[in-house]
N, C-alpha and C. Protein backbone atom coordinates (compact mmCIF):
# COMPACT_ATOMS: atom_id res chain seq x y z
N MET A 1 -26.43 -31.18 4.17
CA MET A 1 -25.04 -30.33 4.34
C MET A 1 -23.94 -31.13 3.85
N PRO A 2 -23.16 -30.37 3.04
CA PRO A 2 -22.06 -30.55 2.61
C PRO A 2 -20.74 -31.52 3.40
N THR A 3 -20.19 -32.60 2.79
CA THR A 3 -19.09 -32.85 3.61
C THR A 3 -18.09 -32.25 3.27
N ALA A 4 -17.32 -31.65 4.77
CA ALA A 4 -16.37 -30.80 4.65
C ALA A 4 -14.98 -31.42 4.25
N ARG A 5 -14.88 -30.61 3.77
CA ARG A 5 -12.67 -30.44 2.98
C ARG A 5 -12.09 -29.42 3.50
N ARG A 6 -11.21 -29.74 4.05
CA ARG A 6 -10.09 -29.10 4.62
C ARG A 6 -9.11 -28.72 3.58
N ARG A 7 -9.24 -27.41 3.20
CA ARG A 7 -7.93 -26.42 2.45
C ARG A 7 -6.77 -26.46 3.10
N GLY A 8 -5.82 -26.96 2.25
CA GLY A 8 -4.33 -25.90 2.69
C GLY A 8 -4.45 -24.48 3.98
N ASP A 9 -4.06 -24.84 5.05
CA ASP A 9 -4.27 -23.46 5.53
C ASP A 9 -2.48 -22.61 5.56
N THR A 10 -2.54 -21.62 5.06
CA THR A 10 -1.32 -20.91 4.77
C THR A 10 -1.18 -19.87 6.15
N PRO A 11 -0.16 -19.54 6.81
CA PRO A 11 -0.24 -18.77 7.73
C PRO A 11 -0.41 -17.06 6.94
N PRO A 12 -0.77 -16.01 7.87
CA PRO A 12 -0.30 -14.71 7.56
C PRO A 12 1.39 -14.33 7.38
N PRO A 13 1.79 -13.59 6.74
CA PRO A 13 3.03 -12.99 6.40
C PRO A 13 3.92 -13.02 8.09
N ARG A 14 4.63 -13.19 8.28
CA ARG A 14 5.44 -13.01 9.82
C ARG A 14 6.73 -12.27 10.01
N ALA A 15 7.57 -12.13 8.22
CA ALA A 15 8.77 -11.10 8.46
C ALA A 15 8.66 -9.92 7.16
N ALA A 16 9.01 -8.98 7.71
CA ALA A 16 9.11 -8.01 6.85
C ALA A 16 10.20 -6.98 7.23
N ASN A 17 10.53 -6.20 6.60
CA ASN A 17 11.57 -4.85 6.87
C ASN A 17 11.39 -3.85 7.11
N SER A 18 9.84 -3.65 6.41
CA SER A 18 9.28 -1.96 6.70
C SER A 18 8.34 -2.03 6.74
N GLU A 19 7.58 -0.89 6.95
CA GLU A 19 6.11 -0.30 6.88
C GLU A 19 5.34 -0.75 5.60
N ALA A 20 5.83 -0.83 4.50
CA ALA A 20 5.19 -1.03 3.34
C ALA A 20 5.49 -2.50 2.83
N ASP A 21 6.37 -3.28 3.39
CA ASP A 21 6.47 -4.50 3.19
C ASP A 21 5.33 -5.44 3.97
N VAL A 22 4.83 -4.82 5.15
CA VAL A 22 4.38 -5.34 6.21
C VAL A 22 2.61 -5.18 5.25
N LEU A 23 2.47 -3.84 4.84
CA LEU A 23 1.01 -3.79 4.66
C LEU A 23 0.84 -4.42 3.30
N ARG A 24 1.65 -4.40 2.51
CA ARG A 24 1.76 -5.24 1.20
C ARG A 24 1.42 -6.33 1.81
N GLY A 25 2.32 -7.18 2.11
CA GLY A 25 2.17 -8.53 2.59
C GLY A 25 1.08 -9.11 3.42
N PHE A 26 0.47 -8.58 4.23
CA PHE A 26 -1.04 -8.36 4.53
C PHE A 26 -1.85 -8.68 3.09
N LEU A 27 -2.10 -7.72 2.98
CA LEU A 27 -2.67 -7.33 1.66
C LEU A 27 -2.41 -8.36 0.29
N ASP A 28 -1.28 -8.90 0.10
CA ASP A 28 -1.47 -9.93 -0.90
C ASP A 28 -1.29 -11.29 -0.58
N TYR A 29 -1.46 -11.44 1.03
CA TYR A 29 -1.74 -12.30 1.77
C TYR A 29 -3.73 -12.80 1.68
N LEU A 30 -4.10 -11.80 1.60
CA LEU A 30 -5.52 -11.80 1.79
C LEU A 30 -6.00 -12.00 0.22
N ARG A 31 -5.23 -11.19 -0.47
CA ARG A 31 -5.64 -11.72 -2.36
C ARG A 31 -5.64 -13.04 -2.51
N VAL A 32 -4.62 -13.42 -2.15
CA VAL A 32 -4.48 -14.92 -2.53
C VAL A 32 -5.64 -16.25 -2.02
N SER A 33 -5.87 -15.57 -0.61
CA SER A 33 -6.79 -16.13 0.34
C SER A 33 -8.38 -16.26 -0.52
N ILE A 34 -8.39 -14.84 -1.11
CA ILE A 34 -9.95 -14.97 -1.29
C ILE A 34 -10.07 -15.60 -2.54
N ALA A 35 -8.72 -15.31 -3.30
CA ALA A 35 -9.02 -16.21 -5.12
C ALA A 35 -9.00 -17.40 -4.87
N ALA A 36 -8.48 -17.95 -4.02
CA ALA A 36 -8.40 -19.38 -3.68
C ALA A 36 -9.55 -19.86 -3.39
N LYS A 37 -10.39 -19.15 -2.44
CA LYS A 37 -11.43 -19.53 -1.83
C LYS A 37 -12.89 -19.78 -2.90
N VAL A 38 -12.49 -18.93 -3.90
CA VAL A 38 -13.19 -18.79 -5.13
C VAL A 38 -13.21 -19.78 -6.34
N GLU A 39 -11.99 -20.05 -6.58
CA GLU A 39 -11.07 -20.68 -7.72
C GLU A 39 -11.99 -22.39 -7.19
N GLY A 40 -12.27 -22.89 -8.07
CA GLY A 40 -12.85 -24.22 -8.26
C GLY A 40 -13.99 -24.25 -7.53
N ALA A 41 -14.81 -23.32 -7.17
CA ALA A 41 -15.72 -23.66 -6.89
C ALA A 41 -17.02 -24.04 -7.86
N PRO A 42 -18.01 -24.33 -8.00
CA PRO A 42 -18.77 -25.31 -8.58
C PRO A 42 -20.20 -24.27 -9.00
N GLU A 43 -20.12 -24.21 -10.33
CA GLU A 43 -21.76 -23.87 -10.61
C GLU A 43 -22.71 -24.57 -10.48
N PRO A 44 -24.02 -24.20 -10.29
CA PRO A 44 -24.44 -22.75 -10.29
C PRO A 44 -24.23 -22.17 -8.85
N GLN A 45 -23.86 -23.03 -7.98
CA GLN A 45 -23.53 -22.90 -6.39
C GLN A 45 -23.13 -21.39 -5.96
N VAL A 46 -21.84 -21.14 -6.74
CA VAL A 46 -20.85 -19.80 -6.62
C VAL A 46 -21.65 -18.91 -7.18
N ARG A 47 -22.89 -18.88 -7.68
CA ARG A 47 -23.48 -17.84 -8.21
C ARG A 47 -25.01 -17.66 -7.37
N THR A 48 -25.32 -18.58 -6.31
CA THR A 48 -26.50 -18.63 -5.62
C THR A 48 -26.04 -18.14 -4.28
N SER A 49 -27.39 -17.40 -4.08
CA SER A 49 -26.60 -16.87 -2.76
C SER A 49 -27.67 -17.90 -1.45
N ALA A 50 -26.89 -17.77 -0.70
CA ALA A 50 -27.14 -19.20 0.63
C ALA A 50 -27.71 -18.02 1.91
N VAL A 51 -27.39 -16.64 1.66
CA VAL A 51 -27.76 -15.75 2.70
C VAL A 51 -28.70 -14.80 2.31
N SER A 52 -29.37 -14.31 3.53
CA SER A 52 -30.96 -13.55 3.12
C SER A 52 -30.13 -12.24 2.56
N SER A 53 -28.99 -11.55 2.64
CA SER A 53 -28.56 -10.14 2.28
C SER A 53 -28.23 -10.39 0.59
N GLY A 54 -28.58 -11.83 0.32
CA GLY A 54 -27.95 -12.04 -1.28
C GLY A 54 -26.61 -12.15 -2.16
N THR A 55 -25.68 -12.08 -1.02
CA THR A 55 -24.16 -12.02 -1.53
C THR A 55 -24.21 -13.32 -1.93
N THR A 56 -23.16 -13.63 -3.15
CA THR A 56 -22.73 -14.88 -3.49
C THR A 56 -21.37 -14.88 -3.60
N LEU A 57 -20.64 -15.94 -3.46
CA LEU A 57 -19.07 -15.79 -3.96
C LEU A 57 -18.19 -15.02 -4.88
N LEU A 58 -19.12 -15.74 -6.03
CA LEU A 58 -18.58 -14.90 -7.54
C LEU A 58 -18.87 -13.43 -6.97
N GLY A 59 -19.95 -12.98 -6.42
CA GLY A 59 -20.39 -11.09 -6.35
C GLY A 59 -18.95 -10.87 -5.92
N LEU A 60 -18.51 -11.37 -4.81
CA LEU A 60 -17.85 -10.83 -3.53
C LEU A 60 -16.26 -10.32 -4.72
N LEU A 61 -16.12 -11.68 -4.94
CA LEU A 61 -14.74 -11.52 -6.04
C LEU A 61 -14.91 -10.54 -6.95
N SER A 62 -16.05 -10.47 -7.74
CA SER A 62 -16.54 -9.21 -8.99
C SER A 62 -16.24 -7.89 -7.73
N HIS A 63 -16.92 -7.96 -6.47
CA HIS A 63 -16.87 -6.57 -5.77
C HIS A 63 -15.24 -6.05 -5.80
N LEU A 64 -14.54 -7.12 -5.25
CA LEU A 64 -13.16 -7.03 -4.63
C LEU A 64 -12.30 -6.20 -5.99
N THR A 65 -12.50 -6.66 -7.54
CA THR A 65 -12.35 -6.60 -8.62
C THR A 65 -11.95 -5.05 -9.19
N ALA A 66 -13.50 -4.79 -8.67
CA ALA A 66 -13.53 -3.04 -8.67
C ALA A 66 -13.23 -2.37 -7.79
N VAL A 67 -12.71 -2.51 -6.72
CA VAL A 67 -12.54 -2.11 -5.74
C VAL A 67 -11.04 -1.77 -5.59
N GLU A 68 -10.46 -2.95 -5.95
CA GLU A 68 -8.89 -2.89 -6.44
C GLU A 68 -9.01 -1.56 -7.42
N SER A 69 -9.62 -1.45 -8.58
CA SER A 69 -9.11 -0.98 -9.79
C SER A 69 -9.61 0.57 -9.14
N ALA A 70 -10.43 0.85 -8.76
CA ALA A 70 -11.22 2.15 -8.20
C ALA A 70 -10.14 2.60 -7.34
N MET A 71 -9.86 1.86 -6.04
CA MET A 71 -8.40 2.46 -5.39
C MET A 71 -7.29 2.84 -5.87
N PHE A 72 -6.94 1.83 -6.61
CA PHE A 72 -5.16 2.16 -7.02
C PHE A 72 -5.07 2.53 -8.25
N THR A 73 -5.93 2.68 -9.48
CA THR A 73 -6.00 2.93 -10.31
C THR A 73 -6.89 4.07 -10.93
N GLY A 74 -7.77 4.48 -9.69
CA GLY A 74 -8.78 5.39 -10.30
C GLY A 74 -9.89 5.39 -11.15
N GLU A 75 -10.15 4.13 -11.49
CA GLU A 75 -11.16 3.79 -12.40
C GLU A 75 -12.38 4.11 -11.61
N GLN A 76 -13.36 4.53 -12.49
CA GLN A 76 -14.68 5.17 -11.66
C GLN A 76 -15.74 4.38 -11.48
N VAL A 77 -16.20 4.10 -10.33
CA VAL A 77 -17.47 2.91 -10.16
C VAL A 77 -18.57 3.74 -9.92
N THR A 78 -19.71 3.64 -10.93
CA THR A 78 -20.46 4.61 -10.71
C THR A 78 -22.07 3.61 -10.19
N ASP A 79 -21.68 2.47 -9.85
CA ASP A 79 -22.90 1.82 -9.30
C ASP A 79 -22.14 0.51 -8.22
N TRP A 80 -21.81 0.60 -7.19
CA TRP A 80 -21.30 -0.27 -6.45
C TRP A 80 -22.03 -1.45 -5.87
N GLN A 81 -23.27 -1.30 -6.01
CA GLN A 81 -24.26 -2.29 -5.98
C GLN A 81 -23.90 -3.55 -7.42
N ALA A 82 -23.78 -3.15 -8.19
CA ALA A 82 -23.89 -3.74 -9.69
C ALA A 82 -22.34 -4.39 -9.35
N THR A 83 -21.58 -3.99 -8.88
CA THR A 83 -20.17 -4.82 -9.00
C THR A 83 -20.39 -6.03 -7.87
N LEU A 84 -21.65 -6.41 -7.09
CA LEU A 84 -21.65 -7.22 -6.19
C LEU A 84 -22.31 -8.56 -7.27
N ARG A 85 -22.16 -8.32 -8.37
CA ARG A 85 -22.96 -9.54 -9.26
C ARG A 85 -22.11 -9.90 -10.52
N ALA A 86 -21.07 -10.62 -10.60
CA ALA A 86 -20.57 -11.53 -11.69
C ALA A 86 -21.21 -11.61 -12.97
N PRO A 87 -20.82 -10.88 -13.81
CA PRO A 87 -21.48 -10.86 -15.37
C PRO A 87 -21.94 -12.57 -15.57
N ALA A 88 -22.85 -12.51 -15.80
CA ALA A 88 -23.47 -14.00 -16.31
C ALA A 88 -22.44 -14.68 -17.40
N GLY A 89 -21.82 -14.16 -18.09
CA GLY A 89 -21.33 -14.44 -19.20
C GLY A 89 -19.87 -15.21 -18.84
N GLU A 90 -19.37 -14.78 -17.52
CA GLU A 90 -17.84 -14.87 -17.14
C GLU A 90 -17.88 -16.37 -16.40
N SER A 91 -17.01 -17.18 -16.83
CA SER A 91 -16.84 -18.59 -15.32
C SER A 91 -16.22 -17.84 -14.23
N VAL A 92 -16.58 -18.77 -13.44
CA VAL A 92 -15.52 -19.05 -12.24
C VAL A 92 -14.19 -18.69 -12.77
N ALA A 93 -13.25 -19.04 -13.55
CA ALA A 93 -12.08 -18.46 -13.81
C ALA A 93 -11.61 -17.27 -14.48
N ASP A 94 -12.95 -17.16 -15.11
CA ASP A 94 -12.83 -15.48 -15.77
C ASP A 94 -12.69 -14.74 -14.98
N VAL A 95 -13.63 -15.01 -13.64
CA VAL A 95 -14.00 -14.11 -12.32
C VAL A 95 -12.80 -13.64 -11.89
N VAL A 96 -11.89 -15.07 -11.64
CA VAL A 96 -10.79 -14.93 -10.60
C VAL A 96 -9.26 -14.68 -11.52
N ALA A 97 -9.27 -14.68 -13.03
CA ALA A 97 -8.31 -13.99 -13.69
C ALA A 97 -8.60 -12.50 -13.69
N ARG A 98 -10.06 -11.82 -13.78
CA ARG A 98 -9.98 -10.56 -13.90
C ARG A 98 -9.28 -10.02 -12.60
N TYR A 99 -10.32 -10.73 -11.67
CA TYR A 99 -9.24 -10.25 -9.99
C TYR A 99 -8.01 -10.34 -9.89
N ARG A 100 -7.10 -11.38 -10.40
CA ARG A 100 -5.31 -11.41 -10.24
C ARG A 100 -5.08 -10.12 -11.96
N ALA A 101 -6.05 -9.91 -12.48
CA ALA A 101 -5.23 -8.88 -13.38
C ALA A 101 -5.61 -7.48 -13.02
N ALA A 102 -6.43 -7.33 -12.07
CA ALA A 102 -6.65 -6.10 -11.45
C ALA A 102 -5.09 -5.80 -10.37
N VAL A 103 -5.55 -6.65 -9.21
CA VAL A 103 -4.53 -6.98 -8.29
C VAL A 103 -3.02 -6.77 -9.38
N GLY A 104 -2.91 -7.24 -10.07
CA GLY A 104 -1.28 -7.22 -10.73
C GLY A 104 -1.50 -5.09 -11.32
N ARG A 105 -2.50 -4.67 -11.73
CA ARG A 105 -2.68 -3.15 -11.92
C ARG A 105 -2.33 -2.49 -10.99
N ALA A 106 -2.66 -3.00 -9.78
CA ALA A 106 -2.79 -2.25 -8.36
C ALA A 106 -1.26 -2.38 -7.93
N ASN A 107 -1.02 -3.77 -7.82
CA ASN A 107 0.61 -3.41 -7.81
C ASN A 107 1.80 -2.83 -8.65
N ASP A 108 1.22 -2.62 -9.93
CA ASP A 108 2.49 -2.12 -10.67
C ASP A 108 2.14 -0.64 -10.12
N VAL A 109 1.28 -0.07 -9.49
CA VAL A 109 1.02 1.46 -9.00
C VAL A 109 1.86 1.47 -7.75
N LEU A 110 1.23 -0.01 -6.73
CA LEU A 110 2.28 0.23 -5.87
C LEU A 110 3.68 0.07 -5.76
N ASP A 111 4.07 -0.19 -6.79
CA ASP A 111 5.62 -0.72 -6.88
C ASP A 111 6.19 0.75 -7.56
N ALA A 112 5.52 1.97 -8.08
CA ALA A 112 6.00 3.11 -7.93
C ALA A 112 5.72 4.03 -6.80
N CYS A 113 5.41 3.40 -5.50
CA CYS A 113 5.06 4.69 -4.86
C CYS A 113 5.89 4.39 -3.72
N ALA A 114 7.05 5.12 -3.30
CA ALA A 114 7.82 4.97 -2.38
C ALA A 114 7.66 5.75 -1.19
N ASP A 115 6.57 6.67 -1.30
CA ASP A 115 6.22 7.06 0.40
C ASP A 115 4.64 6.94 0.59
N LEU A 116 4.96 6.18 1.47
CA LEU A 116 3.25 5.60 2.11
C LEU A 116 2.46 7.05 2.67
N GLY A 117 3.07 8.22 2.69
CA GLY A 117 2.40 9.36 2.80
C GLY A 117 1.87 10.22 1.67
N ALA A 118 1.78 9.89 0.61
CA ALA A 118 2.30 10.47 -0.46
C ALA A 118 0.32 9.82 -1.21
N PRO A 119 0.04 10.71 -1.47
CA PRO A 119 -1.26 10.39 -2.59
C PRO A 119 -1.08 9.64 -3.85
N LEU A 120 -2.00 8.94 -3.69
CA LEU A 120 -1.69 7.48 -5.01
C LEU A 120 -1.88 8.50 -6.20
N PRO A 121 -0.92 7.76 -7.49
CA PRO A 121 -1.32 8.82 -8.27
C PRO A 121 -2.67 8.59 -9.10
N ARG A 122 -3.22 9.53 -9.93
CA ARG A 122 -4.79 9.31 -10.29
C ARG A 122 -4.21 9.94 -11.62
N PRO A 123 -4.86 8.90 -12.96
CA PRO A 123 -4.40 9.44 -14.37
C PRO A 123 -5.50 10.63 -14.81
N GLY A 124 -4.55 12.07 -15.47
CA GLY A 124 -5.27 13.33 -15.56
C GLY A 124 -4.93 13.99 -14.20
N GLY A 125 -3.99 13.59 -13.30
CA GLY A 125 -3.78 14.48 -11.96
C GLY A 125 -4.96 15.16 -11.07
N SER A 126 -6.26 14.15 -10.99
CA SER A 126 -7.20 14.40 -10.29
C SER A 126 -7.10 14.29 -9.07
N GLY A 127 -7.24 15.47 -8.38
CA GLY A 127 -7.25 14.90 -6.79
C GLY A 127 -8.24 14.30 -6.25
N GLY A 128 -7.84 14.38 -4.62
CA GLY A 128 -8.80 13.58 -3.90
C GLY A 128 -8.45 12.54 -3.93
N ALA A 129 -7.24 11.70 -4.14
CA ALA A 129 -6.88 10.69 -3.63
C ALA A 129 -6.17 10.46 -2.47
N PRO A 130 -6.57 9.15 -2.16
CA PRO A 130 -6.29 8.88 -0.46
C PRO A 130 -4.47 8.62 -0.28
N SER A 131 -4.19 8.78 0.81
CA SER A 131 -2.54 8.16 1.03
C SER A 131 -2.28 6.68 0.57
N VAL A 132 -1.17 6.58 -0.07
CA VAL A 132 -0.83 5.18 -0.11
C VAL A 132 -1.05 4.15 1.07
N ARG A 133 -0.49 4.77 2.25
CA ARG A 133 -0.85 4.09 3.50
C ARG A 133 -2.48 4.20 3.63
N TRP A 134 -3.16 4.77 3.29
CA TRP A 134 -4.67 4.77 3.92
C TRP A 134 -4.85 3.75 2.76
N ALA A 135 -4.85 3.84 1.93
CA ALA A 135 -5.39 2.75 0.96
C ALA A 135 -4.91 1.34 1.00
N LEU A 136 -3.75 1.10 1.55
CA LEU A 136 -3.13 -0.06 1.59
C LEU A 136 -4.05 -0.57 3.33
N THR A 137 -4.33 0.29 4.23
CA THR A 137 -4.90 -0.13 5.17
C THR A 137 -6.72 -0.39 4.40
N HIS A 138 -6.67 0.60 4.45
CA HIS A 138 -8.45 0.40 3.62
C HIS A 138 -8.37 -1.14 2.99
N MET A 139 -7.65 -1.30 2.15
CA MET A 139 -7.93 -3.01 1.19
C MET A 139 -7.36 -4.08 1.99
N ILE A 140 -6.59 -3.97 3.00
CA ILE A 140 -6.68 -5.01 3.95
C ILE A 140 -8.07 -5.31 4.81
N GLU A 141 -8.47 -4.07 4.94
CA GLU A 141 -9.85 -4.42 5.80
C GLU A 141 -11.10 -4.53 5.12
N GLU A 142 -10.61 -4.18 4.07
CA GLU A 142 -11.65 -4.71 2.61
C GLU A 142 -11.87 -6.24 2.47
N THR A 143 -10.53 -6.42 2.09
CA THR A 143 -10.46 -7.85 1.49
C THR A 143 -10.28 -8.48 2.59
N GLY A 144 -9.95 -8.36 4.26
CA GLY A 144 -10.13 -9.37 5.11
C GLY A 144 -11.50 -9.20 5.32
N ARG A 145 -12.41 -8.51 5.39
CA ARG A 145 -13.57 -8.52 5.66
C ARG A 145 -14.50 -9.32 4.47
N HIS A 146 -14.48 -9.34 3.24
CA HIS A 146 -14.85 -10.34 2.42
C HIS A 146 -14.39 -11.49 1.91
N ALA A 147 -12.82 -11.45 2.52
CA ALA A 147 -12.55 -13.26 2.86
C ALA A 147 -13.24 -13.95 3.86
N GLY A 148 -14.01 -13.16 4.97
CA GLY A 148 -14.50 -14.07 5.78
C GLY A 148 -15.92 -14.42 5.39
N HIS A 149 -16.15 -13.40 4.59
CA HIS A 149 -17.56 -13.53 3.83
C HIS A 149 -17.75 -15.01 2.95
N ALA A 150 -16.37 -14.91 2.00
CA ALA A 150 -16.33 -15.87 1.70
C ALA A 150 -15.77 -17.59 2.38
N ASP A 151 -15.51 -17.30 3.21
CA ASP A 151 -15.27 -18.62 3.92
C ASP A 151 -16.11 -19.24 4.44
N ILE A 152 -17.60 -18.45 4.95
CA ILE A 152 -18.89 -18.78 5.15
C ILE A 152 -19.40 -19.58 3.97
N LEU A 153 -19.17 -18.56 2.54
CA LEU A 153 -20.09 -19.42 1.71
C LEU A 153 -19.63 -20.35 0.72
N ARG A 154 -18.35 -20.26 0.87
CA ARG A 154 -17.91 -21.52 0.51
C ARG A 154 -18.29 -22.68 1.07
N GLU A 155 -18.11 -22.66 2.56
CA GLU A 155 -18.23 -23.45 3.47
C GLU A 155 -19.81 -24.18 2.91
N LEU A 156 -20.42 -23.34 2.96
CA LEU A 156 -22.24 -23.49 2.73
C LEU A 156 -22.47 -24.28 1.45
N ILE A 157 -21.60 -24.06 0.28
CA ILE A 157 -21.77 -24.73 -1.10
C ILE A 157 -21.17 -25.81 -1.27
N ASP A 158 -19.65 -26.08 -0.26
CA ASP A 158 -19.44 -27.93 -0.69
C ASP A 158 -18.20 -28.10 0.52
N GLY A 159 -18.76 -27.48 1.44
CA GLY A 159 -18.32 -27.92 3.15
C GLY A 159 -16.58 -27.55 2.85
N SER A 160 -15.98 -27.03 2.03
CA SER A 160 -15.30 -26.11 1.96
C SER A 160 -14.08 -25.55 2.78
N THR A 161 -12.94 -25.76 3.83
CA THR A 161 -12.51 -24.79 5.18
C THR A 161 -11.22 -24.45 4.50
N GLY A 162 -10.49 -23.70 5.10
CA GLY A 162 -9.02 -23.28 5.33
C GLY A 162 -9.04 -22.01 4.43
N ARG A 163 -7.76 -21.58 4.81
CA ARG A 163 -7.60 -20.12 3.74
C ARG A 163 -7.45 -20.41 2.50
């Protein structure tokens, strides 16, 4: 059993002036939390599953990268199961950087969306986009769910706990 290491705990955001600020604040908080949970995780454990589902810490972040890109920039994903595996040639730092870049692109889209009830813009004007509000709420749920998985996986790897 790994020796427990406590990471710095940062509380969720407490102050915001609008619904958009609250939603984006919580999403950004979760984004930072999960990237920090993966950052610095040791190889090969970060790619090795300690649970029967086959889920890995690096795979979770790779998956969230695809979800961010699909949700906010309209990138097409043809095989969601494949997104749960990080490319073999990418290091932990590469996957974290790819995630942060996807978050940056998503935030650029969100910065241009003033109406939470409006559909997210899609390249070429393709329809069927969710509202900004729905997308933010879903991404809070999706990222929070996987951040919880990441908490457990990281603790199993090296005993690291905290946000």
